[in-house]
Every structure is written in structure tokens, then in C-alpha cells.
Amino acid sequence: MIRGFMLILAMLSIGTLINELTDLPIPGNVIGMIILFLCLQFKIIPYDWVKDAAASLTKRMSLFFIPAGVGMMEYLDLLKDNVMMISVTIVGSMFAVLLTAGWTGQFLGKKDQK
């Protein structure tokens, strides 16, 4: 399991380094997870090496949201000032995802019937 944590941490570090060197608008942790995904897809890293570490992190995922929630309390005034814009954005993006998922499901369903 330690090897899995080390691999995940290494991919996070590589992603952060790439972000710092290239000034990409994508966060380093996202770049790192994309690299890890590609390494797993192309079997550069065996799935068994990270399986236990990933399961352990997934079980404790709710703990990782606590710092973000506490950090939001610092910006409560800013959130109150923009509550309407935030609400419209959330509802709009929810409908966009709902429509996209529905259309994709219909498209794939028609493709399977042929």
C-alpha cells in the first residue's frame, strides 16, 4: 500500500511541477491524476500497485472536504454578495450536464440498437 501512496504522491508532484513550469490553466493535481490515469491505461503502472491506496483514500474522502468547507467560512461575505450569480451558475451547469448526459445516452442507445 505504501508503494501506491508513493506513486499517487509522485504523480501529484509531477503534475504540480508541470503546472509550475508551463503556467497551464489546469491545476497540478488534475494534471497529475491525468498522468496517473494514462499510466494505468497503458499498463505502465500495474493497477494492483495503486488499488489498495486508492481504496483507502476513497473511504476517507469526506475528511478531505473539511478544510475546503472551513476555508469557505473565511469568504462568507463574498459568497453572500454573489449568492444570486452563484445560484444561477449552479442551476445552469446542472441543466447543461443533465441535457448532455441525456443526449449522450440517447445517442449511445440508438447506436446499440443498430
PDB file of N, CA and C in Angstrom:
ATOM      1  N   MET A   1       0.821  -1.189   0.000  1.00  0.00           N
ATOM      2  CA  MET A   1       0.000   0.000   0.000  1.00  0.00           C
ATOM      3  C   MET A   1       0.870   1.260   0.000  1.00  0.00           C
ATOM      4  N   ILE A   2       2.038   1.189   0.620  1.00  0.00           N
ATOM      5  CA  ILE A   2       2.931   2.345   0.650  1.00  0.00           C
ATOM      6  C   ILE A   2       3.395   2.688  -0.760  1.00  0.00           C
ATOM      7  N   ARG A   3       3.648   1.671  -1.574  1.00  0.00           N
ATOM      8  CA  ARG A   3       4.050   1.910  -2.957  1.00  0.00           C
ATOM      9  C   ARG A   3       2.954   2.681  -3.698  1.00  0.00           C
ATOM     10  N   GLY A   4       1.698   2.331  -3.447  1.00  0.00           N
ATOM     11  CA  GLY A   4       0.575   3.020  -4.076  1.00  0.00           C
ATOM     12  C   GLY A   4       0.502   4.482  -3.672  1.00  0.00           C
ATOM     13  N   PHE A   5       0.661   4.745  -2.364  1.00  0.00           N
ATOM     14  CA  PHE A   5       0.657   6.134  -1.904  1.00  0.00           C
ATOM     15  C   PHE A   5       1.822   6.913  -2.509  1.00  0.00           C
ATOM     16  N   MET A   6       2.975   6.268  -2.579  1.00  0.00           N
ATOM     17  CA  MET A   6       4.148   6.939  -3.161  1.00  0.00           C
ATOM     18  C   MET A   6       3.929   7.245  -4.642  1.00  0.00           C
ATOM     19  N   LEU A   7       3.312   6.319  -5.371  1.00  0.00           N
ATOM     20  CA  LEU A   7       3.032   6.563  -6.789  1.00  0.00           C
ATOM     21  C   LEU A   7       2.028   7.698  -6.971  1.00  0.00           C
ATOM     22  N   ILE A   8       0.981   7.703  -6.166  1.00  0.00           N
ATOM     23  CA  ILE A   8      -0.018   8.771  -6.256  1.00  0.00           C
ATOM     24  C   ILE A   8       0.620  10.112  -5.908  1.00  0.00           C
ATOM     25  N   LEU A   9       1.431  10.131  -4.870  1.00  0.00           N
ATOM     26  CA  LEU A   9       2.123  11.359  -4.481  1.00  0.00           C
ATOM     27  C   LEU A   9       3.116  11.801  -5.552  1.00  0.00           C
ATOM     28  N   ALA A  10       3.804  10.841  -6.174  1.00  0.00           N
ATOM     29  CA  ALA A  10       4.747  11.175  -7.244  1.00  0.00           C
ATOM     30  C   ALA A  10       4.019  11.793  -8.434  1.00  0.00           C
ATOM     31  N   MET A  11       2.871  11.236  -8.800  1.00  0.00           N
ATOM     32  CA  MET A  11       2.105  11.789  -9.924  1.00  0.00           C
ATOM     33  C   MET A  11       1.580  13.182  -9.586  1.00  0.00           C
ATOM     34  N   LEU A  12       1.165  13.384  -8.339  1.00  0.00           N
ATOM     35  CA  LEU A  12       0.737  14.707  -7.895  1.00  0.00           C
ATOM     36  C   LEU A  12       1.889  15.702  -8.008  1.00  0.00           C
ATOM     37  N   SER A  13       3.075  15.292  -7.579  1.00  0.00           N
ATOM     38  CA  SER A  13       4.246  16.167  -7.639  1.00  0.00           C
ATOM     39  C   SER A  13       4.644  16.477  -9.074  1.00  0.00           C
ATOM     40  N   ILE A  14       4.605  15.472  -9.937  1.00  0.00           N
ATOM     41  CA  ILE A  14       4.932  15.686 -11.350  1.00  0.00           C
ATOM     42  C   ILE A  14       3.923  16.645 -11.980  1.00  0.00           C
ATOM     43  N   GLY A  15       2.655  16.456 -11.683  1.00  0.00           N
ATOM     44  CA  GLY A  15       1.625  17.352 -12.206  1.00  0.00           C
ATOM     45  C   GLY A  15       1.810  18.781 -11.728  1.00  0.00           C
ATOM     46  N   THR A  16       2.148  18.949 -10.451  1.00  0.00           N
ATOM     47  CA  THR A  16       2.395  20.283  -9.909  1.00  0.00           C
ATOM     48  C   THR A  16       3.612  20.916 -10.567  1.00  0.00           C
ATOM     49  N   LEU A  17       4.657  20.127 -10.781  1.00  0.00           N
ATOM     50  CA  LEU A  17       5.861  20.631 -11.445  1.00  0.00           C
ATOM     51  C   LEU A  17       5.552  21.067 -12.877  1.00  0.00           C
ATOM     52  N   ILE A  18       4.798  20.257 -13.597  1.00  0.00           N
ATOM     53  CA  ILE A  18       4.411  20.614 -14.972  1.00  0.00           C
ATOM     54  C   ILE A  18       3.599  21.904 -14.969  1.00  0.00           C
ATOM     55  N   ASN A  19       2.697  22.040 -14.008  1.00  0.00           N
ATOM     56  CA  ASN A  19       1.884  23.252 -13.909  1.00  0.00           C
ATOM     57  C   ASN A  19       2.753  24.479 -13.638  1.00  0.00           C
ATOM     58  N   GLU A  20       3.721  24.338 -12.747  1.00  0.00           N
ATOM     59  CA  GLU A  20       4.602  25.460 -12.414  1.00  0.00           C
ATOM     60  C   GLU A  20       5.487  25.853 -13.595  1.00  0.00           C
ATOM     61  N   LEU A  21       5.977  24.861 -14.339  1.00  0.00           N
ATOM     62  CA  LEU A  21       6.893  25.142 -15.447  1.00  0.00           C
ATOM     63  C   LEU A  21       6.185  25.687 -16.685  1.00  0.00           C
ATOM     64  N   THR A  22       4.929  25.303 -16.887  1.00  0.00           N
ATOM     65  CA  THR A  22       4.245  25.670 -18.128  1.00  0.00           C
ATOM     66  C   THR A  22       3.161  26.723 -17.946  1.00  0.00           C
ATOM     67  N   ASP A  23       2.785  27.054 -16.727  1.00  0.00           N
ATOM     68  CA  ASP A  23       1.702  28.005 -16.458  1.00  0.00           C
ATOM     69  C   ASP A  23       0.396  27.613 -17.137  1.00  0.00           C
ATOM     70  N   LEU A  24       0.116  26.323 -17.182  1.00  0.00           N
ATOM     71  CA  LEU A  24      -1.156  25.855 -17.728  1.00  0.00           C
ATOM     72  C   LEU A  24      -2.298  26.292 -16.815  1.00  0.00           C
ATOM     73  N   PRO A  25      -3.484  26.541 -17.364  1.00  0.00           N
ATOM     74  CA  PRO A  25      -4.616  26.926 -16.517  1.00  0.00           C
ATOM     75  C   PRO A  25      -5.276  25.735 -15.816  1.00  0.00           C
ATOM     76  N   ILE A  26      -4.649  24.567 -15.893  1.00  0.00           N
ATOM     77  CA  ILE A  26      -5.172  23.356 -15.258  1.00  0.00           C
ATOM     78  C   ILE A  26      -4.390  23.139 -13.960  1.00  0.00           C
ATOM     79  N   PRO A  27      -5.072  22.878 -12.842  1.00  0.00           N
ATOM     80  CA  PRO A  27      -4.354  22.653 -11.584  1.00  0.00           C
ATOM     81  C   PRO A  27      -3.398  21.459 -11.674  1.00  0.00           C
ATOM     82  N   GLY A  28      -2.308  21.547 -10.930  1.00  0.00           N
ATOM     83  CA  GLY A  28      -1.297  20.496 -10.945  1.00  0.00           C
ATOM     84  C   GLY A  28      -1.815  19.146 -10.504  1.00  0.00           C
ATOM     85  N   ASN A  29      -2.730  19.132  -9.533  1.00  0.00           N
ATOM     86  CA  ASN A  29      -3.258  17.841  -9.084  1.00  0.00           C
ATOM     87  C   ASN A  29      -4.088  17.174 -10.175  1.00  0.00           C
ATOM     88  N   VAL A  30      -4.779  17.961 -11.000  1.00  0.00           N
ATOM     89  CA  VAL A  30      -5.548  17.385 -12.108  1.00  0.00           C
ATOM     90  C   VAL A  30      -4.597  16.828 -13.165  1.00  0.00           C
ATOM     91  N   ILE A  31      -3.541  17.559 -13.459  1.00  0.00           N
ATOM     92  CA  ILE A  31      -2.536  17.072 -14.414  1.00  0.00           C
ATOM     93  C   ILE A  31      -1.932  15.765 -13.907  1.00  0.00           C
ATOM     94  N   GLY A  32      -1.621  15.714 -12.616  1.00  0.00           N
ATOM     95  CA  GLY A  32      -1.058  14.502 -12.030  1.00  0.00           C
ATOM     96  C   GLY A  32      -1.991  13.309 -12.124  1.00  0.00           C
ATOM     97  N   MET A  33      -3.282  13.531 -11.881  1.00  0.00           N
ATOM     98  CA  MET A  33      -4.239  12.431 -11.976  1.00  0.00           C
ATOM     99  C   MET A  33      -4.436  11.980 -13.419  1.00  0.00           C
ATOM    100  N   ILE A  34      -4.334  12.917 -14.369  1.00  0.00           N
ATOM    101  CA  ILE A  34      -4.406  12.534 -15.786  1.00  0.00           C
ATOM    102  C   ILE A  34      -3.200  11.674 -16.145  1.00  0.00           C
ATOM    103  N   ILE A  35      -2.031  12.054 -15.663  1.00  0.00           N
ATOM    104  CA  ILE A  35      -0.824  11.259 -15.921  1.00  0.00           C
ATOM    105  C   ILE A  35      -0.966   9.872 -15.299  1.00  0.00           C
ATOM    106  N   LEU A  36      -1.460   9.810 -14.059  1.00  0.00           N
ATOM    107  CA  LEU A  36      -1.667   8.514 -13.407  1.00  0.00           C
ATOM    108  C   LEU A  36      -2.665   7.672 -14.193  1.00  0.00           C
ATOM    109  N   PHE A  37      -3.759   8.284 -14.650  1.00  0.00           N
ATOM    110  CA  PHE A  37      -4.756   7.570 -15.446  1.00  0.00           C
ATOM    111  C   PHE A  37      -4.129   7.003 -16.716  1.00  0.00           C
ATOM    112  N   LEU A  38      -3.345   7.820 -17.404  1.00  0.00           N
ATOM    113  CA  LEU A  38      -2.710   7.354 -18.644  1.00  0.00           C
ATOM    114  C   LEU A  38      -1.719   6.223 -18.368  1.00  0.00           C
ATOM    115  N   CYS A  39      -0.970   6.344 -17.281  1.00  0.00           N
ATOM    116  CA  CYS A  39      -0.026   5.273 -16.920  1.00  0.00           C
ATOM    117  C   CYS A  39      -0.762   3.974 -16.604  1.00  0.00           C
ATOM    118  N   LEU A  40      -1.918   4.072 -15.975  1.00  0.00           N
ATOM    119  CA  LEU A  40      -2.706   2.873 -15.689  1.00  0.00           C
ATOM    120  C   LEU A  40      -3.335   2.315 -16.962  1.00  0.00           C
ATOM    121  N   GLN A  41      -3.832   3.197 -17.839  1.00  0.00           N
ATOM    122  CA  GLN A  41      -4.455   2.747 -19.084  1.00  0.00           C
ATOM    123  C   GLN A  41      -3.473   2.001 -19.977  1.00  0.00           C
ATOM    124  N   PHE A  42      -2.269   2.551 -20.091  1.00  0.00           N
ATOM    125  CA  PHE A  42      -1.265   1.945 -20.969  1.00  0.00           C
ATOM    126  C   PHE A  42      -0.414   0.904 -20.246  1.00  0.00           C
ATOM    127  N   LYS A  43      -0.844   0.555 -19.028  1.00  0.00           N
ATOM    128  CA  LYS A  43      -0.215  -0.500 -18.227  1.00  0.00           C
ATOM    129  C   LYS A  43       1.265  -0.231 -17.938  1.00  0.00           C
ATOM    130  N   ILE A  44       1.614   1.055 -17.846  1.00  0.00           N
ATOM    131  CA  ILE A  44       2.959   1.432 -17.413  1.00  0.00           C
ATOM    132  C   ILE A  44       3.073   1.182 -15.915  1.00  0.00           C
ATOM    133  N   ILE A  45       1.988   1.478 -15.197  1.00  0.00           N
ATOM    134  CA  ILE A  45       1.885   1.194 -13.768  1.00  0.00           C
ATOM    135  C   ILE A  45       0.798   0.137 -13.602  1.00  0.00           C
ATOM    136  N   PRO A  46       1.110  -0.995 -12.987  1.00  0.00           N
ATOM    137  CA  PRO A  46       0.076  -2.014 -12.759  1.00  0.00           C
ATOM    138  C   PRO A  46      -0.998  -1.504 -11.791  1.00  0.00           C
ATOM    139  N   TYR A  47      -2.231  -1.837 -12.086  1.00  0.00           N
ATOM    140  CA  TYR A  47      -3.372  -1.411 -11.269  1.00  0.00           C
ATOM    141  C   TYR A  47      -3.229  -1.894  -9.825  1.00  0.00           C
ATOM    142  N   ASP A  48      -2.709  -3.092  -9.638  1.00  0.00           N
ATOM    143  CA  ASP A  48      -2.580  -3.659  -8.291  1.00  0.00           C
ATOM    144  C   ASP A  48      -1.680  -2.816  -7.390  1.00  0.00           C
ATOM    145  N   TRP A  49      -0.756  -2.064  -7.985  1.00  0.00           N
ATOM    146  CA  TRP A  49       0.145  -1.244  -7.180  1.00  0.00           C
ATOM    147  C   TRP A  49      -0.580  -0.096  -6.483  1.00  0.00           C
ATOM    148  N   VAL A  50      -1.623   0.447  -7.096  1.00  0.00           N
ATOM    149  CA  VAL A  50      -2.311   1.605  -6.517  1.00  0.00           C
ATOM    150  C   VAL A  50      -3.710   1.279  -5.993  1.00  0.00           C
ATOM    151  N   LYS A  51      -4.172   0.059  -6.212  1.00  0.00           N
ATOM    152  CA  LYS A  51      -5.545  -0.317  -5.857  1.00  0.00           C
ATOM    153  C   LYS A  51      -5.841  -0.096  -4.373  1.00  0.00           C
ATOM    154  N   ASP A  52      -5.001  -0.603  -3.490  1.00  0.00           N
ATOM    155  CA  ASP A  52      -5.266  -0.500  -2.052  1.00  0.00           C
ATOM    156  C   ASP A  52      -5.179   0.940  -1.555  1.00  0.00           C
ATOM    157  N   ALA A  53      -4.195   1.681  -2.049  1.00  0.00           N
ATOM    158  CA  ALA A  53      -4.055   3.080  -1.636  1.00  0.00           C
ATOM    159  C   ALA A  53      -5.247   3.901  -2.113  1.00  0.00           C
ATOM    160  N   ALA A  54      -5.689   3.665  -3.335  1.00  0.00           N
ATOM    161  CA  ALA A  54      -6.838   4.401  -3.872  1.00  0.00           C
ATOM    162  C   ALA A  54      -8.106   4.063  -3.093  1.00  0.00           C
ATOM    163  N   ALA A  55      -8.284   2.802  -2.739  1.00  0.00           N
ATOM    164  CA  ALA A  55      -9.463   2.401  -1.958  1.00  0.00           C
ATOM    165  C   ALA A  55      -9.438   3.059  -0.581  1.00  0.00           C
ATOM    166  N   SER A  56      -8.267   3.119   0.024  1.00  0.00           N
ATOM    167  CA  SER A  56      -8.135   3.744   1.336  1.00  0.00           C
ATOM    168  C   SER A  56      -8.454   5.237   1.271  1.00  0.00           C
ATOM    169  N   LEU A  57      -7.953   5.913   0.244  1.00  0.00           N
ATOM    170  CA  LEU A  57      -8.241   7.342   0.088  1.00  0.00           C
ATOM    171  C   LEU A  57      -9.717   7.582  -0.209  1.00  0.00           C
ATOM    172  N   THR A  58     -10.321   6.714  -0.992  1.00  0.00           N
ATOM    173  CA  THR A  58     -11.735   6.866  -1.335  1.00  0.00           C
ATOM    174  C   THR A  58     -12.613   6.693  -0.099  1.00  0.00           C
ATOM    175  N   LYS A  59     -12.248   5.755   0.781  1.00  0.00           N
ATOM    176  CA  LYS A  59     -13.020   5.539   2.009  1.00  0.00           C
ATOM    177  C   LYS A  59     -13.023   6.777   2.897  1.00  0.00           C
ATOM    178  N   ARG A  60     -11.922   7.509   2.885  1.00  0.00           N
ATOM    179  CA  ARG A  60     -11.773   8.666   3.765  1.00  0.00           C
ATOM    180  C   ARG A  60     -11.972   9.995   3.029  1.00  0.00           C
ATOM    181  N   MET A  61     -12.600   9.949   1.873  1.00  0.00           N
ATOM    182  CA  MET A  61     -12.727  11.140   1.038  1.00  0.00           C
ATOM    183  C   MET A  61     -13.472  12.278   1.728  1.00  0.00           C
ATOM    184  N   SER A  62     -14.461  11.953   2.537  1.00  0.00           N
ATOM    185  CA  SER A  62     -15.237  13.016   3.192  1.00  0.00           C
ATOM    186  C   SER A  62     -14.360  13.878   4.095  1.00  0.00           C
ATOM    187  N   LEU A  63     -13.311  13.311   4.662  1.00  0.00           N
ATOM    188  CA  LEU A  63     -12.403  14.094   5.503  1.00  0.00           C
ATOM    189  C   LEU A  63     -11.673  15.173   4.707  1.00  0.00           C
ATOM    190  N   PHE A  64     -11.451  14.939   3.425  1.00  0.00           N
ATOM    191  CA  PHE A  64     -10.710  15.893   2.609  1.00  0.00           C
ATOM    192  C   PHE A  64     -11.538  17.132   2.279  1.00  0.00           C
ATOM    193  N   PHE A  65     -12.859  17.074   2.469  1.00  0.00           N
ATOM    194  CA  PHE A  65     -13.705  18.225   2.190  1.00  0.00           C
ATOM    195  C   PHE A  65     -13.807  19.170   3.385  1.00  0.00           C
ATOM    196  N   ILE A  66     -13.386  18.749   4.555  1.00  0.00           N
ATOM    197  CA  ILE A  66     -13.479  19.591   5.747  1.00  0.00           C
ATOM    198  C   ILE A  66     -12.643  20.859   5.604  1.00  0.00           C
ATOM    199  N   PRO A  67     -11.364  20.798   5.206  1.00  0.00           N
ATOM    200  CA  PRO A  67     -10.599  22.047   5.066  1.00  0.00           C
ATOM    201  C   PRO A  67     -11.205  23.009   4.045  1.00  0.00           C
ATOM    202  N   ALA A  68     -11.744  22.485   2.964  1.00  0.00           N
ATOM    203  CA  ALA A  68     -12.366  23.355   1.960  1.00  0.00           C
ATOM    204  C   ALA A  68     -13.605  24.030   2.532  1.00  0.00           C
ATOM    205  N   GLY A  69     -14.401  23.286   3.279  1.00  0.00           N
ATOM    206  CA  GLY A  69     -15.597  23.862   3.894  1.00  0.00           C
ATOM    207  C   GLY A  69     -15.259  24.914   4.932  1.00  0.00           C
ATOM    208  N   VAL A  70     -14.246  24.653   5.736  1.00  0.00           N
ATOM    209  CA  VAL A  70     -13.811  25.624   6.739  1.00  0.00           C
ATOM    210  C   VAL A  70     -13.222  26.853   6.049  1.00  0.00           C
ATOM    211  N   GLY A  71     -12.481  26.636   4.967  1.00  0.00           N
ATOM    212  CA  GLY A  71     -11.902  27.753   4.222  1.00  0.00           C
ATOM    213  C   GLY A  71     -12.962  28.649   3.608  1.00  0.00           C
ATOM    214  N   MET A  72     -14.097  28.077   3.243  1.00  0.00           N
ATOM    215  CA  MET A  72     -15.189  28.885   2.682  1.00  0.00           C
ATOM    216  C   MET A  72     -15.748  29.856   3.710  1.00  0.00           C
ATOM    217  N   MET A  73     -15.658  29.523   4.981  1.00  0.00           N
ATOM    218  CA  MET A  73     -16.169  30.413   6.021  1.00  0.00           C
ATOM    219  C   MET A  73     -15.420  31.744   6.021  1.00  0.00           C
ATOM    220  N   GLU A  74     -14.175  31.718   5.577  1.00  0.00           N
ATOM    221  CA  GLU A  74     -13.381  32.943   5.511  1.00  0.00           C
ATOM    222  C   GLU A  74     -13.932  33.897   4.449  1.00  0.00           C
ATOM    223  N   TYR A  75     -14.591  33.352   3.436  1.00  0.00           N
ATOM    224  CA  TYR A  75     -15.116  34.155   2.333  1.00  0.00           C
ATOM    225  C   TYR A  75     -16.637  34.250   2.372  1.00  0.00           C
ATOM    226  N   LEU A  76     -17.221  34.127   3.548  1.00  0.00           N
ATOM    227  CA  LEU A  76     -18.673  34.132   3.676  1.00  0.00           C
ATOM    228  C   LEU A  76     -19.294  35.434   3.164  1.00  0.00           C
ATOM    229  N   ASP A  77     -18.662  36.574   3.441  1.00  0.00           N
ATOM    230  CA  ASP A  77     -19.194  37.853   2.954  1.00  0.00           C
ATOM    231  C   ASP A  77     -19.199  37.905   1.433  1.00  0.00           C
ATOM    232  N   LEU A  78     -18.138  37.411   0.817  1.00  0.00           N
ATOM    233  CA  LEU A  78     -18.062  37.381  -0.644  1.00  0.00           C
ATOM    234  C   LEU A  78     -19.136  36.467  -1.224  1.00  0.00           C
ATOM    235  N   LEU A  79     -19.368  35.335  -0.570  1.00  0.00           N
ATOM    236  CA  LEU A  79     -20.411  34.413  -1.020  1.00  0.00           C
ATOM    237  C   LEU A  79     -21.795  35.046  -0.889  1.00  0.00           C
ATOM    238  N   LYS A  80     -22.036  35.764   0.216  1.00  0.00           N
ATOM    239  CA  LYS A  80     -23.331  36.421   0.405  1.00  0.00           C
ATOM    240  C   LYS A  80     -23.573  37.473  -0.668  1.00  0.00           C
ATOM    241  N   ASP A  81     -22.530  38.210  -1.033  1.00  0.00           N
ATOM    242  CA  ASP A  81     -22.669  39.261  -2.047  1.00  0.00           C
ATOM    243  C   ASP A  81     -22.973  38.692  -3.430  1.00  0.00           C
ATOM    244  N   ASN A  82     -22.545  37.476  -3.696  1.00  0.00           N
ATOM    245  CA  ASN A  82     -22.690  36.884  -5.027  1.00  0.00           C
ATOM    246  C   ASN A  82     -23.600  35.663  -5.045  1.00  0.00           C
ATOM    247  N   VAL A  83     -24.496  35.546  -4.081  1.00  0.00           N
ATOM    248  CA  VAL A  83     -25.316  34.337  -3.961  1.00  0.00           C
ATOM    249  C   VAL A  83     -26.202  34.128  -5.186  1.00  0.00           C
ATOM    250  N   MET A  84     -26.718  35.203  -5.779  1.00  0.00           N
ATOM    251  CA  MET A  84     -27.587  35.050  -6.945  1.00  0.00           C
ATOM    252  C   MET A  84     -26.794  34.529  -8.147  1.00  0.00           C
ATOM    253  N   MET A  85     -25.628  35.113  -8.388  1.00  0.00           N
ATOM    254  CA  MET A  85     -24.805  34.679  -9.514  1.00  0.00           C
ATOM    255  C   MET A  85     -24.334  33.228  -9.317  1.00  0.00           C
ATOM    256  N   ILE A  86     -23.978  32.874  -8.103  1.00  0.00           N
ATOM    257  CA  ILE A  86     -23.543  31.507  -7.809  1.00  0.00           C
ATOM    258  C   ILE A  86     -24.699  30.532  -8.017  1.00  0.00           C
ATOM    259  N   SER A  87     -25.893  30.904  -7.565  1.00  0.00           N
ATOM    260  CA  SER A  87     -27.062  30.025  -7.716  1.00  0.00           C
ATOM    261  C   SER A  87     -27.413  29.811  -9.181  1.00  0.00           C
ATOM    262  N   VAL A  88     -27.398  30.894  -9.975  1.00  0.00           N
ATOM    263  CA  VAL A  88     -27.701  30.779 -11.404  1.00  0.00           C
ATOM    264  C   VAL A  88     -26.665  29.896 -12.093  1.00  0.00           C
ATOM    265  N   THR A  89     -25.408  30.060 -11.727  1.00  0.00           N
ATOM    266  CA  THR A  89     -24.341  29.246 -12.316  1.00  0.00           C
ATOM    267  C   THR A  89     -24.520  27.770 -11.974  1.00  0.00           C
ATOM    268  N   ILE A  90     -24.842  27.475 -10.731  1.00  0.00           N
ATOM    269  CA  ILE A  90     -25.029  26.081 -10.313  1.00  0.00           C
ATOM    270  C   ILE A  90     -26.218  25.451 -11.034  1.00  0.00           C
ATOM    271  N   VAL A  91     -27.341  26.163 -11.080  1.00  0.00           N
ATOM    272  CA  VAL A  91     -28.536  25.620 -11.737  1.00  0.00           C
ATOM    273  C   VAL A  91     -28.297  25.468 -13.236  1.00  0.00           C
ATOM    274  N   GLY A  92     -27.668  26.473 -13.854  1.00  0.00           N
ATOM    275  CA  GLY A  92     -27.378  26.400 -15.291  1.00  0.00           C
ATOM    276  C   GLY A  92     -26.459  25.250 -15.640  1.00  0.00           C
ATOM    277  N   SER A  93     -25.409  25.073 -14.858  1.00  0.00           N
ATOM    278  CA  SER A  93     -24.487  23.970 -15.144  1.00  0.00           C
ATOM    279  C   SER A  93     -25.145  22.619 -14.873  1.00  0.00           C
ATOM    280  N   MET A  94     -26.042  22.564 -13.891  1.00  0.00           N
ATOM    281  CA  MET A  94     -26.760  21.319 -13.620  1.00  0.00           C
ATOM    282  C   MET A  94     -27.608  20.916 -14.826  1.00  0.00           C
ATOM    283  N   PHE A  95     -28.322  21.885 -15.401  1.00  0.00           N
ATOM    284  CA  PHE A  95     -29.135  21.583 -16.579  1.00  0.00           C
ATOM    285  C   PHE A  95     -28.267  21.225 -17.783  1.00  0.00           C
ATOM    286  N   ALA A  96     -27.113  21.890 -17.922  1.00  0.00           N
ATOM    287  CA  ALA A  96     -26.217  21.570 -19.036  1.00  0.00           C
ATOM    288  C   ALA A  96     -25.720  20.133 -18.927  1.00  0.00           C
ATOM    289  N   VAL A  97     -25.347  19.713 -17.732  1.00  0.00           N
ATOM    290  CA  VAL A  97     -24.883  18.338 -17.523  1.00  0.00           C
ATOM    291  C   VAL A  97     -26.026  17.356 -17.737  1.00  0.00           C
ATOM    292  N   LEU A  98     -27.211  17.686 -17.246  1.00  0.00           N
ATOM    293  CA  LEU A  98     -28.376  16.818 -17.407  1.00  0.00           C
ATOM    294  C   LEU A  98     -28.709  16.617 -18.879  1.00  0.00           C
ATOM    295  N   LEU A  99     -28.741  17.707 -19.647  1.00  0.00           N
ATOM    296  CA  LEU A  99     -29.041  17.606 -21.076  1.00  0.00           C
ATOM    297  C   LEU A  99     -27.958  16.839 -21.827  1.00  0.00           C
ATOM    298  N   THR A 100     -26.709  17.136 -21.518  1.00  0.00           N
ATOM    299  CA  THR A 100     -25.608  16.445 -22.191  1.00  0.00           C
ATOM    300  C   THR A 100     -25.639  14.950 -21.898  1.00  0.00           C
ATOM    301  N   ALA A 101     -25.874  14.589 -20.644  1.00  0.00           N
ATOM    302  CA  ALA A 101     -25.946  13.169 -20.288  1.00  0.00           C
ATOM    303  C   ALA A 101     -27.129  12.493 -20.972  1.00  0.00           C
ATOM    304  N   GLY A 102     -28.264  13.177 -21.029  1.00  0.00           N
ATOM    305  CA  GLY A 102     -29.438  12.608 -21.696  1.00  0.00           C
ATOM    306  C   GLY A 102     -29.215  12.396 -23.179  1.00  0.00           C
ATOM    307  N   TRP A 103     -28.659  13.407 -23.848  1.00  0.00           N
ATOM    308  CA  TRP A 103     -28.395  13.286 -25.286  1.00  0.00           C
ATOM    309  C   TRP A 103     -27.358  12.207 -25.572  1.00  0.00           C
ATOM    310  N   THR A 104     -26.347  12.130 -24.716  1.00  0.00           N
ATOM    311  CA  THR A 104     -25.333  11.091 -24.901  1.00  0.00           C
ATOM    312  C   THR A 104     -25.950   9.708 -24.725  1.00  0.00           C
ATOM    313  N   GLY A 105     -26.800   9.551 -23.713  1.00  0.00           N
ATOM    314  CA  GLY A 105     -27.479   8.270 -23.501  1.00  0.00           C
ATOM    315  C   GLY A 105     -28.370   7.889 -24.666  1.00  0.00           C
ATOM    316  N   GLN A 106     -29.100   8.854 -25.199  1.00  0.00           N
ATOM    317  CA  GLN A 106     -29.949   8.573 -26.360  1.00  0.00           C
ATOM    318  C   GLN A 106     -29.113   8.194 -27.575  1.00  0.00           C
ATOM    319  N   PHE A 107     -28.017   8.924 -27.781  1.00  0.00           N
ATOM    320  CA  PHE A 107     -27.144   8.640 -28.920  1.00  0.00           C
ATOM    321  C   PHE A 107     -26.552   7.239 -28.821  1.00  0.00           C
ATOM    322  N   LEU A 108     -26.049   6.894 -27.643  1.00  0.00           N
ATOM    323  CA  LEU A 108     -25.450   5.569 -27.462  1.00  0.00           C
ATOM    324  C   LEU A 108     -26.508   4.475 -27.517  1.00  0.00           C
ATOM    325  N   GLY A 109     -27.727   4.768 -27.044  1.00  0.00           N
ATOM    326  CA  GLY A 109     -28.810   3.790 -27.114  1.00  0.00           C
ATOM    327  C   GLY A 109     -29.214   3.491 -28.545  1.00  0.00           C
ATOM    328  N   LYS A 110     -29.277   4.524 -29.376  1.00  0.00           N
ATOM    329  CA  LYS A 110     -29.605   4.329 -30.789  1.00  0.00           C
ATOM    330  C   LYS A 110     -28.490   3.582 -31.505  1.00  0.00           C
ATOM    331  N   LYS A 111     -27.254   3.871 -31.117  1.00  0.00           N
ATOM    332  CA  LYS A 111     -26.103   3.214 -31.736  1.00  0.00           C
ATOM    333  C   LYS A 111     -26.096   1.720 -31.419  1.00  0.00           C
ATOM    334  N   ASP A 112     -26.484   1.359 -30.183  1.00  0.00           N
ATOM    335  CA  ASP A 112     -26.518  -0.056 -29.785  1.00  0.00           C
ATOM    336  C   ASP A 112     -27.631  -0.824 -30.485  1.00  0.00           C
ATOM    337  N   GLN A 113     -28.736  -0.153 -30.822  1.00  0.00           N
ATOM    338  CA  GLN A 113     -29.863  -0.823 -31.463  1.00  0.00           C
ATOM    339  C   GLN A 113     -29.573  -1.168 -32.917  1.00  0.00           C
ATOM    340  N   LYS A 114     -28.645  -0.433 -33.531  1.00  0.00           N
ATOM    341  CA  LYS A 114     -28.356  -0.674 -34.956  1.00  0.00           C
ATOM    342  C   LYS A 114     -27.534  -1.900 -35.166  1.00  0.00           C
TER     343      LYS A 114
END
